[in-house]
Amino acid sequence: MSGADAEGRIVELEAAIAHQGVAIEELSDEVRRQGQVIDRLEKTLRELAERFLALEDVATPRPEITKPPHY
């Protein structure tokens, strides 16, 4: 392998590493954004579950506790 071939391969490797670095940063940013979306969705789901349970308590009254007829 000549010096020019080796230098060309080194330049190609450096370019590939630079592109991979950019790709890694973009992926990292996307993972961070998705984490924020998941956090918001989990918060919304918790709030909706609490509202649903509150409405369920109001909409479905508890049965009265009565003695069976044979008492």
Protein backbone atom coordinates (compact mmCIF):
# COMPACT_ATOMS: atom_id res chain seq x y z
CA MET A 1 0.00 0.00 0.00
CA SER A 2 1.47 3.31 -1.00
CA GLY A 3 1.56 6.46 1.10
CA ALA A 4 -1.10 8.12 -1.07
CA ASP A 5 -3.45 5.15 -0.68
CA ALA A 6 -3.00 5.13 3.08
CA GLU A 7 -3.56 8.88 3.27
CA GLY A 8 -6.72 8.57 1.16
CA ARG A 9 -8.06 5.84 3.43
CA ILE A 10 -7.29 7.95 6.51
CA VAL A 11 -9.18 10.89 5.01
CA GLU A 12 -12.15 8.62 4.24
CA LEU A 13 -12.11 7.25 7.79
CA GLU A 14 -11.97 10.76 9.26
CA ALA A 15 -14.93 11.80 7.10
CA ALA A 16 -16.88 8.69 8.16
CA ILE A 17 -16.16 9.39 11.83
CA ALA A 18 -17.28 13.00 11.43
CA HIS A 19 -20.57 11.89 9.82
CA GLN A 20 -21.10 9.32 12.57
CA GLY A 21 -20.52 11.99 15.21
CA VAL A 22 -23.21 14.17 13.63
CA ALA A 23 -25.58 11.21 13.39
CA ILE A 24 -25.00 10.32 17.05
CA GLU A 25 -25.75 13.89 18.15
CA GLU A 26 -28.94 13.96 16.06
CA LEU A 27 -30.06 10.63 17.52
CA SER A 28 -29.27 11.83 21.03
CA ASP A 29 -31.36 14.96 20.48
CA GLU A 30 -34.23 12.86 19.15
CA VAL A 31 -34.10 10.50 22.15
CA ARG A 32 -34.18 13.53 24.47
CA ARG A 33 -37.21 14.98 22.63
CA GLN A 34 -39.01 11.64 22.74
CA GLY A 35 -38.28 11.36 26.45
CA GLN A 36 -39.92 14.75 26.98
CA VAL A 37 -42.96 13.66 24.96
CA ILE A 38 -43.23 10.44 26.98
CA ASP A 39 -43.03 12.43 30.23
CA ARG A 40 -45.86 14.72 29.07
CA LEU A 41 -47.96 11.75 27.94
CA GLU A 42 -47.46 9.95 31.27
CA LYS A 43 -48.48 13.09 33.17
CA THR A 44 -51.59 13.47 30.98
CA LEU A 45 -52.48 9.80 31.45
CA ARG A 46 -52.17 10.09 35.24
CA GLU A 47 -54.39 13.18 35.25
CA LEU A 48 -57.00 11.49 33.04
CA ALA A 49 -56.97 8.38 35.24
CA GLU A 50 -57.56 10.52 38.33
CA ARG A 51 -60.43 12.36 36.61
CA PHE A 52 -61.94 9.07 35.45
CA LEU A 53 -61.82 7.59 38.94
CA ALA A 54 -63.39 10.75 40.39
CA LEU A 55 -66.18 10.63 37.81
CA GLU A 56 -66.69 6.92 38.39
CA ASP A 57 -67.18 7.54 42.11
CA VAL A 58 -69.82 10.17 41.37
CA ALA A 59 -71.57 8.30 38.56
CA THR A 60 -71.84 4.91 40.25
CA PRO A 61 -73.22 5.27 43.75
CA ARG A 62 -72.21 2.69 46.28
CA PRO A 63 -74.87 0.09 47.09
CA GLU A 64 -76.58 0.62 50.41
CA ILE A 65 -75.59 -1.76 53.14
CA THR A 66 -78.81 -3.42 54.28
CA LYS A 67 -79.60 -6.51 56.24
CA PRO A 68 -80.75 -9.51 54.24
CA PRO A 69 -84.53 -10.07 54.39
CA HIS A 70 -84.29 -13.12 56.67
CA TYR A 71 -83.01 -11.02 59.60
